[in-house]
Amino acid sequence: MRILLTGGSGFIGSHAAEAMLGRGWEVWCAVRRTSSRRFLGDSRLHLLETDFEDEAAMEAALQGLRFDAVVHAAGATKCVRKSDFHRHNTLLTARLVSVLQRLALRDGASECESRLPRFVFLSSLSAINSIEGEALGKPTAYGASKREAEKIVEACRLPWVILRPTGVYGPRERDYLMMVQTLCRHIDFAAGFSPQHITFVYVTDVVQAIMRAIEGKAEDVTGHIFTLSDGETYTSRDFSRLIAGELSALKGSRHRVLRVTAPLFVLRAVCRCGDIFMRVTGKAVTLNNDKYNILSQRDWRCDISASRRLLGFRPEVKLAEGVRRTVRWYRQNGWI
C-alpha cells in the first residue's frame, strides 16, 4: 500500500505513521517546512515539504505520485482567532481534495473508480454540534470548521470515509497533559456541579479505525461517517481518579489530591483570560472561549454501533489501561 498522510508530525498522525510502517506500507508524509520532525525520524518515511496555504505548491509536491489511500489528519485544535479554524481545517481540506481530484483526472484515474485513492478524513465528535437535530451542546468554531470540512469531503468524487473520534488521549497528547500536571500538584479541579457524561478513545484505537477505513471493503466503509470511542461512558471524576491512582502506583504510595469543584462561571473567567492572553501574545492556549463550550458541555455520549458493524471497529484499550500507559509515557519522557 502507498499512503499519503497529512498531519504526520502531530499526535494522532505520528502514531498512524508508525502503524502503517509496521504493516510494511510505503508512507509519504506531507509536512510544512516548520513542522516538528520529533516523531518522524524513521528513515522509511518519505517527507513531502509543501505550503498547505498554496494549492499550486501542494499540486507540485504531489505531481507524479499515486496513492492507494490518503489519510487527512492535519488541522488545528486551538487557534488564536476563530477564523484560523476555518483556514486550517476547512480551507486546507478543500485545497487537498481539489488537488487530488485534479491529479486523478489528469492521470485518467477518474475514468476507473477503483484507481481513485480512498480519502480518509479525521474529523471530530465536536462537528455534530453544528448539525441541527444532532447537537449535544453549543457549536464551536473548531467543530463548525470540521463540519464544513466534512461537507467538502462528502461532495467530492473520491471514495471517502469520515472518522469522528471523541476525546483522544494517549502518549504525545498535550491537552489532557494539563490535567495530569494539575493532579501532579495534588489538585483535582472540576467545573460545574451537574453530572457530566464524557467519552474517550485511546490513540491506538483511532489508528485501528484509520487502518480499517483504508483496508475495508468499499461497499462497507466508503460514503460513511463513523463515530469512535471505547464504547463506555465516564465522568470527569473517573478520569482524574484513574490518573491519581496511576501517580500513586508510580511513587509507591498514595498520591493525595484536593478535590475542588467550582461553578462554570469560574471556568468561563479562566477561558476569557486565555482569550486575552492569545490576543496579546499571538500564542494559542488550550483554555479559551471556544474551548469553554466544549469543556462545559454536560453530555458527550456517542453511539459506535455502526463503527462496529460496518467498519469492524473493536476498541481494545479501556480508560484504566489507557491512562496507565499514558501517564507512564509522560513520566518516562520527562513530561511530568
C-alpha atoms as a PDB file:
ATOM      1  CA  MET A   1       0.000   0.000   0.000  1.00  0.00           C
ATOM      2  CA  ARG A   2       1.193   3.502  -0.797  1.00  0.00           C
ATOM      3  CA  ILE A   3      -0.282   6.080   1.590  1.00  0.00           C
ATOM      4  CA  LEU A   4      -0.277   9.874   1.666  1.00  0.00           C
ATOM      5  CA  LEU A   5      -0.589  11.151   5.237  1.00  0.00           C
ATOM      6  CA  THR A   6      -1.134  14.751   6.309  1.00  0.00           C
ATOM      7  CA  GLY A   7      -0.613  15.703   9.940  1.00  0.00           C
ATOM      8  CA  GLY A   8       2.048  13.037  10.390  1.00  0.00           C
ATOM      9  CA  SER A   9       4.004  15.273  12.752  1.00  0.00           C
ATOM     10  CA  GLY A  10       1.020  15.558  15.088  1.00  0.00           C
ATOM     11  CA  PHE A  11      -0.313  13.417  17.904  1.00  0.00           C
ATOM     12  CA  ILE A  12      -2.620  11.032  16.032  1.00  0.00           C
ATOM     13  CA  GLY A  13      -0.765  11.291  12.722  1.00  0.00           C
ATOM     14  CA  SER A  14       2.582  10.228  14.168  1.00  0.00           C
ATOM     15  CA  HIS A  15       1.022   7.112  15.719  1.00  0.00           C
ATOM     16  CA  ALA A  16      -0.699   6.354  12.405  1.00  0.00           C
ATOM     17  CA  ALA A  17       2.581   6.687  10.506  1.00  0.00           C
ATOM     18  CA  GLU A  18       4.279   4.178  12.811  1.00  0.00           C
ATOM     19  CA  ALA A  19       1.429   1.673  12.427  1.00  0.00           C
ATOM     20  CA  MET A  20       1.483   1.985   8.646  1.00  0.00           C
ATOM     21  CA  LEU A  21       5.233   1.427   8.516  1.00  0.00           C
ATOM     22  CA  GLY A  22       4.713  -1.565  10.786  1.00  0.00           C
ATOM     23  CA  ARG A  23       2.472  -3.052   8.088  1.00  0.00           C
ATOM     24  CA  GLY A  24       5.226  -2.585   5.525  1.00  0.00           C
ATOM     25  CA  TRP A  25       3.360   0.174   3.723  1.00  0.00           C
ATOM     26  CA  GLU A  26       5.039   2.991   1.809  1.00  0.00           C
ATOM     27  CA  VAL A  27       4.178   6.183   3.691  1.00  0.00           C
ATOM     28  CA  TRP A  28       4.508   9.703   2.333  1.00  0.00           C
ATOM     29  CA  CYS A  29       4.024  12.472   4.916  1.00  0.00           C
ATOM     30  CA  ALA A  30       3.048  15.910   3.654  1.00  0.00           C
ATOM     31  CA  VAL A  31       4.531  18.394   6.123  1.00  0.00           C
ATOM     32  CA  ARG A  32       5.094  22.106   6.422  1.00  0.00           C
ATOM     33  CA  ARG A  33       8.649  23.371   6.420  1.00  0.00           C
ATOM     34  CA  THR A  34       8.104  24.435  10.050  1.00  0.00           C
ATOM     35  CA  SER A  35       6.594  21.103  11.183  1.00  0.00           C
ATOM     36  CA  SER A  36       8.324  19.261  14.005  1.00  0.00           C
ATOM     37  CA  ARG A  37      10.267  16.159  12.959  1.00  0.00           C
ATOM     38  CA  ARG A  38      10.430  14.781  16.500  1.00  0.00           C
ATOM     39  CA  PHE A  39       8.243  11.738  15.780  1.00  0.00           C
ATOM     40  CA  LEU A  40       9.132  11.424  12.096  1.00  0.00           C
ATOM     41  CA  GLY A  41      12.642  10.083  12.449  1.00  0.00           C
ATOM     42  CA  ASP A  42      12.048   6.700  10.820  1.00  0.00           C
ATOM     43  CA  SER A  43      14.207   6.525   7.700  1.00  0.00           C
ATOM     44  CA  ARG A  44      11.463   4.616   5.857  1.00  0.00           C
ATOM     45  CA  LEU A  45       9.204   7.682   5.852  1.00  0.00           C
ATOM     46  CA  HIS A  46       9.070   9.850   2.741  1.00  0.00           C
ATOM     47  CA  LEU A  47       8.674  13.519   3.712  1.00  0.00           C
ATOM     48  CA  LEU A  48       7.000  15.917   1.284  1.00  0.00           C
ATOM     49  CA  GLU A  49       7.585  19.538   2.249  1.00  0.00           C
ATOM     50  CA  THR A  50       4.877  21.829   0.944  1.00  0.00           C
ATOM     51  CA  ASP A  51       2.968  25.003   1.706  1.00  0.00           C
ATOM     52  CA  PHE A  52      -0.550  23.998   2.781  1.00  0.00           C
ATOM     53  CA  GLU A  53      -1.714  27.557   2.107  1.00  0.00           C
ATOM     54  CA  ASP A  54      -0.697  27.351  -1.553  1.00  0.00           C
ATOM     55  CA  GLU A  55      -2.721  24.988  -3.743  1.00  0.00           C
ATOM     56  CA  ALA A  56      -0.216  25.201  -6.599  1.00  0.00           C
ATOM     57  CA  ALA A  57       2.622  24.252  -4.263  1.00  0.00           C
ATOM     58  CA  MET A  58       0.632  21.267  -2.984  1.00  0.00           C
ATOM     59  CA  GLU A  59      -0.063  20.130  -6.528  1.00  0.00           C
ATOM     60  CA  ALA A  60       3.610  20.445  -7.483  1.00  0.00           C
ATOM     61  CA  ALA A  61       4.658  18.385  -4.445  1.00  0.00           C
ATOM     62  CA  LEU A  62       2.214  15.582  -5.318  1.00  0.00           C
ATOM     63  CA  GLN A  63       2.775  15.658  -9.071  1.00  0.00           C
ATOM     64  CA  GLY A  64       3.675  12.239 -10.455  1.00  0.00           C
ATOM     65  CA  LEU A  65       2.809  10.361  -7.246  1.00  0.00           C
ATOM     66  CA  ARG A  66      -0.024   7.868  -6.979  1.00  0.00           C
ATOM     67  CA  PHE A  67      -1.545   6.632  -3.746  1.00  0.00           C
ATOM     68  CA  ASP A  68      -3.866   3.828  -2.712  1.00  0.00           C
ATOM     69  CA  ALA A  69      -5.235   5.963   0.117  1.00  0.00           C
ATOM     70  CA  VAL A  70      -4.943   9.448   1.554  1.00  0.00           C
ATOM     71  CA  VAL A  71      -5.307   9.989   5.311  1.00  0.00           C
ATOM     72  CA  HIS A  72      -6.013  13.618   6.123  1.00  0.00           C
ATOM     73  CA  ALA A  73      -5.183  14.145   9.795  1.00  0.00           C
ATOM     74  CA  ALA A  74      -3.747  17.669   9.564  1.00  0.00           C
ATOM     75  CA  GLY A  75      -5.611  20.510  11.228  1.00  0.00           C
ATOM     76  CA  ALA A  76      -5.780  22.753  14.270  1.00  0.00           C
ATOM     77  CA  THR A  77      -7.498  22.142  17.621  1.00  0.00           C
ATOM     78  CA  LYS A  78      -6.679  25.551  19.107  1.00  0.00           C
ATOM     79  CA  CYS A  79      -6.206  28.875  17.344  1.00  0.00           C
ATOM     80  CA  VAL A  80      -5.658  32.496  18.295  1.00  0.00           C
ATOM     81  CA  ARG A  81      -8.523  33.682  16.070  1.00  0.00           C
ATOM     82  CA  LYS A  82     -11.741  31.810  15.319  1.00  0.00           C
ATOM     83  CA  SER A  83     -11.215  32.444  11.623  1.00  0.00           C
ATOM     84  CA  ASP A  84      -7.994  30.421  11.837  1.00  0.00           C
ATOM     85  CA  PHE A  85     -10.008  27.246  12.440  1.00  0.00           C
ATOM     86  CA  HIS A  86     -11.697  27.777   9.087  1.00  0.00           C
ATOM     87  CA  ARG A  87      -8.333  28.391   7.438  1.00  0.00           C
ATOM     88  CA  HIS A  88      -6.533  25.403   8.945  1.00  0.00           C
ATOM     89  CA  ASN A  89      -9.361  22.858   8.987  1.00  0.00           C
ATOM     90  CA  THR A  90     -11.850  23.772   6.255  1.00  0.00           C
ATOM     91  CA  LEU A  91      -9.820  25.531   3.566  1.00  0.00           C
ATOM     92  CA  LEU A  92      -6.892  23.111   3.847  1.00  0.00           C
ATOM     93  CA  THR A  93      -9.283  20.201   3.305  1.00  0.00           C
ATOM     94  CA  ALA A  94     -10.818  21.975   0.295  1.00  0.00           C
ATOM     95  CA  ARG A  95      -7.377  22.542  -1.268  1.00  0.00           C
ATOM     96  CA  LEU A  96      -6.245  18.969  -0.700  1.00  0.00           C
ATOM     97  CA  VAL A  97      -9.421  17.470  -2.163  1.00  0.00           C
ATOM     98  CA  SER A  98      -9.215  19.820  -5.150  1.00  0.00           C
ATOM     99  CA  VAL A  99      -5.592  18.886  -5.858  1.00  0.00           C
ATOM    100  CA  LEU A 100      -6.205  15.152  -5.509  1.00  0.00           C
ATOM    101  CA  GLN A 101      -9.215  15.254  -7.835  1.00  0.00           C
ATOM    102  CA  ARG A 102      -7.366  17.319 -10.406  1.00  0.00           C
ATOM    103  CA  LEU A 103      -4.356  14.994 -10.398  1.00  0.00           C
ATOM    104  CA  ALA A 104      -6.598  11.935 -10.644  1.00  0.00           C
ATOM    105  CA  LEU A 105      -8.377  13.447 -13.633  1.00  0.00           C
ATOM    106  CA  ARG A 106      -5.070  14.259 -15.280  1.00  0.00           C
ATOM    107  CA  ASP A 107      -3.833  10.686 -14.748  1.00  0.00           C
ATOM    108  CA  GLY A 108      -7.057   9.222 -16.067  1.00  0.00           C
ATOM    109  CA  ALA A 109      -7.829   7.611 -12.720  1.00  0.00           C
ATOM    110  CA  SER A 110     -11.278   9.201 -12.590  1.00  0.00           C
ATOM    111  CA  GLU A 111     -12.267   7.022 -15.536  1.00  0.00           C
ATOM    112  CA  CYS A 112     -11.803   3.979 -13.314  1.00  0.00           C
ATOM    113  CA  GLU A 113     -13.173   4.464  -9.806  1.00  0.00           C
ATOM    114  CA  SER A 114     -11.077   1.616  -8.419  1.00  0.00           C
ATOM    115  CA  ARG A 115      -7.945   3.646  -9.196  1.00  0.00           C
ATOM    116  CA  LEU A 116      -9.066   6.656  -7.167  1.00  0.00           C
ATOM    117  CA  PRO A 117      -7.316   6.928  -3.796  1.00  0.00           C
ATOM    118  CA  ARG A 118      -9.558   6.294  -0.823  1.00  0.00           C
ATOM    119  CA  PHE A 119      -9.809   9.501   1.202  1.00  0.00           C
ATOM    120  CA  VAL A 120      -9.942   9.060   4.994  1.00  0.00           C
ATOM    121  CA  PHE A 121     -10.738  12.287   6.816  1.00  0.00           C
ATOM    122  CA  LEU A 122     -10.135  12.635  10.543  1.00  0.00           C
ATOM    123  CA  SER A 123     -12.906  14.884  11.843  1.00  0.00           C
ATOM    124  CA  SER A 124     -14.187  15.260  15.414  1.00  0.00           C
ATOM    125  CA  LEU A 125     -17.249  14.468  17.514  1.00  0.00           C
ATOM    126  CA  SER A 126     -17.445  18.248  18.030  1.00  0.00           C
ATOM    127  CA  ALA A 127     -18.732  18.518  14.445  1.00  0.00           C
ATOM    128  CA  ILE A 128     -22.168  17.236  15.490  1.00  0.00           C
ATOM    129  CA  ASN A 129     -22.856  20.421  17.456  1.00  0.00           C
ATOM    130  CA  SER A 130     -23.051  22.215  14.116  1.00  0.00           C
ATOM    131  CA  ILE A 131     -25.742  19.812  12.825  1.00  0.00           C
ATOM    132  CA  GLU A 132     -29.334  20.722  13.547  1.00  0.00           C
ATOM    133  CA  GLY A 133     -31.147  17.875  15.278  1.00  0.00           C
ATOM    134  CA  GLU A 134     -27.956  16.080  16.319  1.00  0.00           C
ATOM    135  CA  ALA A 135     -26.266  18.689  18.508  1.00  0.00           C
ATOM    136  CA  LEU A 136     -25.464  17.701  22.088  1.00  0.00           C
ATOM    137  CA  GLY A 137     -24.159  21.128  23.061  1.00  0.00           C
ATOM    138  CA  LYS A 138     -23.240  24.573  21.810  1.00  0.00           C
ATOM    139  CA  PRO A 139     -21.452  24.856  18.465  1.00  0.00           C
ATOM    140  CA  THR A 140     -17.808  25.899  18.471  1.00  0.00           C
ATOM    141  CA  ALA A 141     -15.604  27.472  15.834  1.00  0.00           C
ATOM    142  CA  TYR A 142     -13.498  24.318  15.916  1.00  0.00           C
ATOM    143  CA  GLY A 143     -16.475  21.983  15.483  1.00  0.00           C
ATOM    144  CA  ALA A 144     -18.002  24.181  12.785  1.00  0.00           C
ATOM    145  CA  SER A 145     -14.746  24.160  10.799  1.00  0.00           C
ATOM    146  CA  LYS A 146     -14.653  20.361  10.972  1.00  0.00           C
ATOM    147  CA  ARG A 147     -18.299  20.091   9.897  1.00  0.00           C
ATOM    148  CA  GLU A 148     -17.685  22.384   6.928  1.00  0.00           C
ATOM    149  CA  ALA A 149     -14.689  20.246   6.003  1.00  0.00           C
ATOM    150  CA  GLU A 150     -16.892  17.143   6.219  1.00  0.00           C
ATOM    151  CA  LYS A 151     -19.319  18.701   3.731  1.00  0.00           C
ATOM    152  CA  ILE A 152     -16.453  19.278   1.297  1.00  0.00           C
ATOM    153  CA  VAL A 153     -15.389  15.639   1.620  1.00  0.00           C
ATOM    154  CA  GLU A 154     -18.956  14.384   1.223  1.00  0.00           C
ATOM    155  CA  ALA A 155     -19.306  16.315  -2.046  1.00  0.00           C
ATOM    156  CA  CYS A 156     -16.007  15.183  -3.589  1.00  0.00           C
ATOM    157  CA  ARG A 157     -15.545  12.485  -6.241  1.00  0.00           C
ATOM    158  CA  LEU A 158     -13.079  10.466  -4.187  1.00  0.00           C
ATOM    159  CA  PRO A 159     -14.290   7.377  -2.288  1.00  0.00           C
ATOM    160  CA  TRP A 160     -14.330   8.857   1.200  1.00  0.00           C
ATOM    161  CA  VAL A 161     -14.558   7.756   4.818  1.00  0.00           C
ATOM    162  CA  ILE A 162     -15.034  10.218   7.691  1.00  0.00           C
ATOM    163  CA  LEU A 163     -13.966   9.341  11.247  1.00  0.00           C
ATOM    164  CA  ARG A 164     -15.344  11.301  14.215  1.00  0.00           C
ATOM    165  CA  PRO A 165     -13.369  10.407  17.328  1.00  0.00           C
ATOM    166  CA  THR A 166     -14.445  11.671  20.735  1.00  0.00           C
ATOM    167  CA  GLY A 167     -11.742  12.839  23.200  1.00  0.00           C
ATOM    168  CA  VAL A 168      -8.496  11.222  22.016  1.00  0.00           C
ATOM    169  CA  TYR A 169      -5.764  10.668  24.598  1.00  0.00           C
ATOM    170  CA  GLY A 170      -2.511   8.772  24.852  1.00  0.00           C
ATOM    171  CA  PRO A 171       1.269   9.255  24.650  1.00  0.00           C
ATOM    172  CA  ARG A 172       2.322  12.558  22.984  1.00  0.00           C
ATOM    173  CA  GLU A 173      -1.069  14.247  23.645  1.00  0.00           C
ATOM    174  CA  ARG A 174      -0.715  17.682  25.257  1.00  0.00           C
ATOM    175  CA  ASP A 175      -4.206  18.926  26.167  1.00  0.00           C
ATOM    176  CA  TYR A 176      -5.006  16.143  28.649  1.00  0.00           C
ATOM    177  CA  LEU A 177      -1.410  16.528  29.855  1.00  0.00           C
ATOM    178  CA  MET A 178      -2.565  19.728  31.585  1.00  0.00           C
ATOM    179  CA  MET A 179      -4.938  17.704  33.764  1.00  0.00           C
ATOM    180  CA  VAL A 180      -2.192  15.221  34.638  1.00  0.00           C
ATOM    181  CA  GLN A 181       0.157  18.066  35.561  1.00  0.00           C
ATOM    182  CA  THR A 182      -2.513  19.637  37.792  1.00  0.00           C
ATOM    183  CA  LEU A 183      -3.058  16.318  39.564  1.00  0.00           C
ATOM    184  CA  CYS A 184       0.725  16.013  39.993  1.00  0.00           C
ATOM    185  CA  ARG A 185       0.384  19.228  42.015  1.00  0.00           C
ATOM    186  CA  HIS A 186      -2.255  17.470  44.159  1.00  0.00           C
ATOM    187  CA  ILE A 187      -5.209  19.460  42.789  1.00  0.00           C
ATOM    188  CA  ASP A 188      -8.247  17.807  41.167  1.00  0.00           C
ATOM    189  CA  PHE A 189     -10.211  20.658  39.624  1.00  0.00           C
ATOM    190  CA  ALA A 190     -13.658  20.233  38.080  1.00  0.00           C
ATOM    191  CA  ALA A 191     -16.070  22.862  36.767  1.00  0.00           C
ATOM    192  CA  GLY A 192     -19.845  22.589  37.019  1.00  0.00           C
ATOM    193  CA  PHE A 193     -21.999  20.883  39.636  1.00  0.00           C
ATOM    194  CA  SER A 194     -24.349  18.968  37.321  1.00  0.00           C
ATOM    195  CA  PRO A 195     -23.271  15.461  36.179  1.00  0.00           C
ATOM    196  CA  GLN A 196     -21.070  15.327  33.104  1.00  0.00           C
ATOM    197  CA  HIS A 197     -21.090  12.289  30.818  1.00  0.00           C
ATOM    198  CA  ILE A 198     -17.887  12.081  28.791  1.00  0.00           C
ATOM    199  CA  THR A 199     -16.308   9.596  26.398  1.00  0.00           C
ATOM    200  CA  PHE A 200     -12.745   8.767  25.424  1.00  0.00           C
ATOM    201  CA  VAL A 201     -10.827   6.819  22.823  1.00  0.00           C
ATOM    202  CA  TYR A 202      -7.199   5.771  23.098  1.00  0.00           C
ATOM    203  CA  VAL A 203      -4.954   6.859  20.250  1.00  0.00           C
ATOM    204  CA  THR A 204      -4.087   3.346  19.048  1.00  0.00           C
ATOM    205  CA  ASP A 205      -7.799   2.583  18.699  1.00  0.00           C
ATOM    206  CA  VAL A 206      -8.177   5.658  16.478  1.00  0.00           C
ATOM    207  CA  VAL A 207      -5.273   4.324  14.424  1.00  0.00           C
ATOM    208  CA  GLN A 208      -7.025   0.943  14.267  1.00  0.00           C
ATOM    209  CA  ALA A 209     -10.081   2.696  12.801  1.00  0.00           C
ATOM    210  CA  ILE A 210      -7.899   4.512  10.246  1.00  0.00           C
ATOM    211  CA  MET A 211      -6.389   1.212   9.106  1.00  0.00           C
ATOM    212  CA  ARG A 212      -9.813  -0.412   8.831  1.00  0.00           C
ATOM    213  CA  ALA A 213     -11.060   2.579   6.834  1.00  0.00           C
ATOM    214  CA  ILE A 214      -8.182   2.058   4.387  1.00  0.00           C
ATOM    215  CA  GLU A 215      -8.475  -1.727   4.104  1.00  0.00           C
ATOM    216  CA  GLY A 216     -12.230  -2.228   4.460  1.00  0.00           C
ATOM    217  CA  LYS A 217     -14.471  -3.249   1.583  1.00  0.00           C
ATOM    218  CA  ALA A 218     -15.628  -0.187  -0.344  1.00  0.00           C
ATOM    219  CA  GLU A 219     -19.293  -1.149  -0.065  1.00  0.00           C
ATOM    220  CA  ASP A 220     -18.987  -1.319   3.738  1.00  0.00           C
ATOM    221  CA  VAL A 221     -16.946   1.765   4.553  1.00  0.00           C
ATOM    222  CA  THR A 222     -16.919   4.396   1.808  1.00  0.00           C
ATOM    223  CA  GLY A 223     -19.538   7.098   1.982  1.00  0.00           C
ATOM    224  CA  HIS A 224     -19.966   6.615   5.736  1.00  0.00           C
ATOM    225  CA  ILE A 225     -19.252   8.704   8.839  1.00  0.00           C
ATOM    226  CA  PHE A 226     -18.037   6.654  11.802  1.00  0.00           C
ATOM    227  CA  THR A 227     -18.044   7.770  15.446  1.00  0.00           C
ATOM    228  CA  LEU A 228     -15.180   6.473  17.596  1.00  0.00           C
ATOM    229  CA  SER A 229     -14.995   5.914  21.352  1.00  0.00           C
ATOM    230  CA  ASP A 230     -14.030   2.998  23.602  1.00  0.00           C
ATOM    231  CA  GLY A 231     -17.727   2.165  23.935  1.00  0.00           C
ATOM    232  CA  GLU A 232     -18.044   3.312  27.545  1.00  0.00           C
ATOM    233  CA  THR A 233     -19.318   6.467  29.247  1.00  0.00           C
ATOM    234  CA  TYR A 234     -17.417   8.084  32.111  1.00  0.00           C
ATOM    235  CA  THR A 235     -17.421  11.115  34.359  1.00  0.00           C
ATOM    236  CA  SER A 236     -14.593  13.612  34.737  1.00  0.00           C
ATOM    237  CA  ARG A 237     -14.030  12.202  38.234  1.00  0.00           C
ATOM    238  CA  ASP A 238     -13.475   8.744  36.760  1.00  0.00           C
ATOM    239  CA  PHE A 239     -10.679  10.180  34.636  1.00  0.00           C
ATOM    240  CA  SER A 240      -8.997  12.092  37.467  1.00  0.00           C
ATOM    241  CA  ARG A 241      -9.362   9.135  39.848  1.00  0.00           C
ATOM    242  CA  LEU A 242      -7.563   6.852  37.412  1.00  0.00           C
ATOM    243  CA  ILE A 243      -4.787   9.394  36.865  1.00  0.00           C
ATOM    244  CA  ALA A 244      -4.313   9.844  40.634  1.00  0.00           C
ATOM    245  CA  GLY A 245      -4.244   6.075  41.042  1.00  0.00           C
ATOM    246  CA  GLU A 246      -1.513   5.732  38.439  1.00  0.00           C
ATOM    247  CA  LEU A 247       0.510   8.522  40.038  1.00  0.00           C
ATOM    248  CA  SER A 248       0.228   6.616  43.324  1.00  0.00           C
ATOM    249  CA  ALA A 249       1.457   3.436  41.619  1.00  0.00           C
ATOM    250  CA  LEU A 250       4.466   5.260  40.178  1.00  0.00           C
ATOM    251  CA  LYS A 251       5.553   6.749  43.506  1.00  0.00           C
ATOM    252  CA  GLY A 252       4.742   3.637  45.555  1.00  0.00           C
ATOM    253  CA  SER A 253       2.492   5.490  47.985  1.00  0.00           C
ATOM    254  CA  ARG A 254      -0.877   7.183  47.940  1.00  0.00           C
ATOM    255  CA  HIS A 255      -0.971  10.336  45.847  1.00  0.00           C
ATOM    256  CA  ARG A 256      -3.326  12.595  47.779  1.00  0.00           C
ATOM    257  CA  VAL A 257      -5.317  15.241  45.932  1.00  0.00           C
ATOM    258  CA  LEU A 258      -7.545  18.115  46.975  1.00  0.00           C
ATOM    259  CA  ARG A 259     -10.820  17.865  45.047  1.00  0.00           C
ATOM    260  CA  VAL A 260     -12.147  21.279  44.047  1.00  0.00           C
ATOM    261  CA  THR A 261     -15.437  21.783  42.200  1.00  0.00           C
ATOM    262  CA  ALA A 262     -16.108  25.313  41.003  1.00  0.00           C
ATOM    263  CA  PRO A 263     -19.134  26.876  39.272  1.00  0.00           C
ATOM    264  CA  LEU A 264     -18.956  27.047  35.490  1.00  0.00           C
ATOM    265  CA  PHE A 265     -18.529  30.820  35.639  1.00  0.00           C
ATOM    266  CA  VAL A 266     -15.073  30.257  37.119  1.00  0.00           C
ATOM    267  CA  LEU A 267     -14.096  28.183  34.081  1.00  0.00           C
ATOM    268  CA  ARG A 268     -15.636  30.869  31.876  1.00  0.00           C
ATOM    269  CA  ALA A 269     -13.466  33.524  33.558  1.00  0.00           C
ATOM    270  CA  VAL A 270     -10.315  31.436  33.112  1.00  0.00           C
ATOM    271  CA  CYS A 271     -11.131  30.852  29.438  1.00  0.00           C
ATOM    272  CA  ARG A 272     -11.746  34.570  28.886  1.00  0.00           C
ATOM    273  CA  CYS A 273      -8.348  35.274  30.374  1.00  0.00           C
ATOM    274  CA  GLY A 274      -6.933  32.731  27.932  1.00  0.00           C
ATOM    275  CA  ASP A 275      -8.516  34.656  25.053  1.00  0.00           C
ATOM    276  CA  ILE A 276      -6.967  37.915  26.276  1.00  0.00           C
ATOM    277  CA  PHE A 277      -3.582  36.213  26.569  1.00  0.00           C
ATOM    278  CA  MET A 278      -3.859  34.925  22.982  1.00  0.00           C
ATOM    279  CA  ARG A 279      -4.735  38.360  21.617  1.00  0.00           C
ATOM    280  CA  VAL A 280      -1.821  39.979  23.442  1.00  0.00           C
ATOM    281  CA  THR A 281       0.830  37.356  22.726  1.00  0.00           C
ATOM    282  CA  GLY A 282      -0.426  35.816  19.490  1.00  0.00           C
ATOM    283  CA  LYS A 283       0.103  32.359  21.014  1.00  0.00           C
ATOM    284  CA  ALA A 284      -2.697  29.770  21.154  1.00  0.00           C
ATOM    285  CA  VAL A 285      -3.548  28.260  24.549  1.00  0.00           C
ATOM    286  CA  THR A 286      -5.750  25.314  25.499  1.00  0.00           C
ATOM    287  CA  LEU A 287      -8.200  27.209  27.734  1.00  0.00           C
ATOM    288  CA  ASN A 288     -10.042  29.810  25.653  1.00  0.00           C
ATOM    289  CA  ASN A 289     -13.620  30.870  24.918  1.00  0.00           C
ATOM    290  CA  ASP A 290     -14.098  28.354  22.126  1.00  0.00           C
ATOM    291  CA  LYS A 291     -12.804  25.562  24.343  1.00  0.00           C
ATOM    292  CA  TYR A 292     -15.204  26.646  27.091  1.00  0.00           C
ATOM    293  CA  ASN A 293     -18.198  25.395  25.094  1.00  0.00           C
ATOM    294  CA  ILE A 294     -16.513  22.003  24.820  1.00  0.00           C
ATOM    295  CA  LEU A 295     -15.447  21.750  28.463  1.00  0.00           C
ATOM    296  CA  SER A 296     -18.771  22.966  29.840  1.00  0.00           C
ATOM    297  CA  GLN A 297     -20.857  20.541  27.752  1.00  0.00           C
ATOM    298  CA  ARG A 298     -22.502  18.003  30.032  1.00  0.00           C
ATOM    299  CA  ASP A 299     -23.199  15.233  27.508  1.00  0.00           C
ATOM    300  CA  TRP A 300     -20.545  13.725  25.237  1.00  0.00           C
ATOM    301  CA  ARG A 301     -22.096  10.279  24.866  1.00  0.00           C
ATOM    302  CA  CYS A 302     -21.927   8.668  21.426  1.00  0.00           C
ATOM    303  CA  ASP A 303     -23.046   5.537  19.609  1.00  0.00           C
ATOM    304  CA  ILE A 304     -20.368   3.409  17.943  1.00  0.00           C
ATOM    305  CA  SER A 305     -22.643   0.559  16.807  1.00  0.00           C
ATOM    306  CA  ALA A 306     -22.273   1.477  13.105  1.00  0.00           C
ATOM    307  CA  SER A 307     -18.496   1.627  13.518  1.00  0.00           C
ATOM    308  CA  ARG A 308     -18.534  -1.869  14.991  1.00  0.00           C
ATOM    309  CA  ARG A 309     -20.885  -3.272  12.363  1.00  0.00           C
ATOM    310  CA  LEU A 310     -19.571  -1.740   9.143  1.00  0.00           C
ATOM    311  CA  LEU A 311     -16.015  -0.697   9.925  1.00  0.00           C
ATOM    312  CA  GLY A 312     -15.235  -3.703  12.101  1.00  0.00           C
ATOM    313  CA  PHE A 313     -14.015  -1.308  14.788  1.00  0.00           C
ATOM    314  CA  ARG A 314     -13.182  -3.073  18.068  1.00  0.00           C
ATOM    315  CA  PRO A 315     -11.833  -0.732  20.741  1.00  0.00           C
ATOM    316  CA  GLU A 316      -9.093  -2.596  22.581  1.00  0.00           C
ATOM    317  CA  VAL A 317      -7.973  -0.098  25.247  1.00  0.00           C
ATOM    318  CA  LYS A 318     -10.373   0.928  28.004  1.00  0.00           C
ATOM    319  CA  LEU A 319      -9.763   4.057  30.055  1.00  0.00           C
ATOM    320  CA  ALA A 320      -7.979   2.408  33.008  1.00  0.00           C
ATOM    321  CA  GLU A 321      -5.351   0.766  30.793  1.00  0.00           C
ATOM    322  CA  GLY A 322      -5.075   3.815  28.537  1.00  0.00           C
ATOM    323  CA  VAL A 323      -4.439   6.128  31.481  1.00  0.00           C
ATOM    324  CA  ARG A 324      -1.806   3.732  32.820  1.00  0.00           C
ATOM    325  CA  ARG A 325       0.062   3.716  29.500  1.00  0.00           C
ATOM    326  CA  THR A 326      -0.257   7.475  29.023  1.00  0.00           C
ATOM    327  CA  VAL A 327       0.877   8.559  32.488  1.00  0.00           C
ATOM    328  CA  ARG A 328       3.839   6.195  32.358  1.00  0.00           C
ATOM    329  CA  TRP A 329       4.850   7.569  28.956  1.00  0.00           C
ATOM    330  CA  TYR A 330       4.642  11.120  30.324  1.00  0.00           C
ATOM    331  CA  ARG A 331       6.905  10.130  33.231  1.00  0.00           C
ATOM    332  CA  GLN A 332       9.410   8.219  31.076  1.00  0.00           C
ATOM    333  CA  ASN A 333       9.717  11.133  28.654  1.00  0.00           C
ATOM    334  CA  GLY A 334      10.013  13.847  31.299  1.00  0.00           C
ATOM    335  CA  TRP A 335       6.651  15.493  30.610  1.00  0.00           C
ATOM    336  CA  ILE A 336       5.646  15.170  34.282  1.00  0.00           C
END
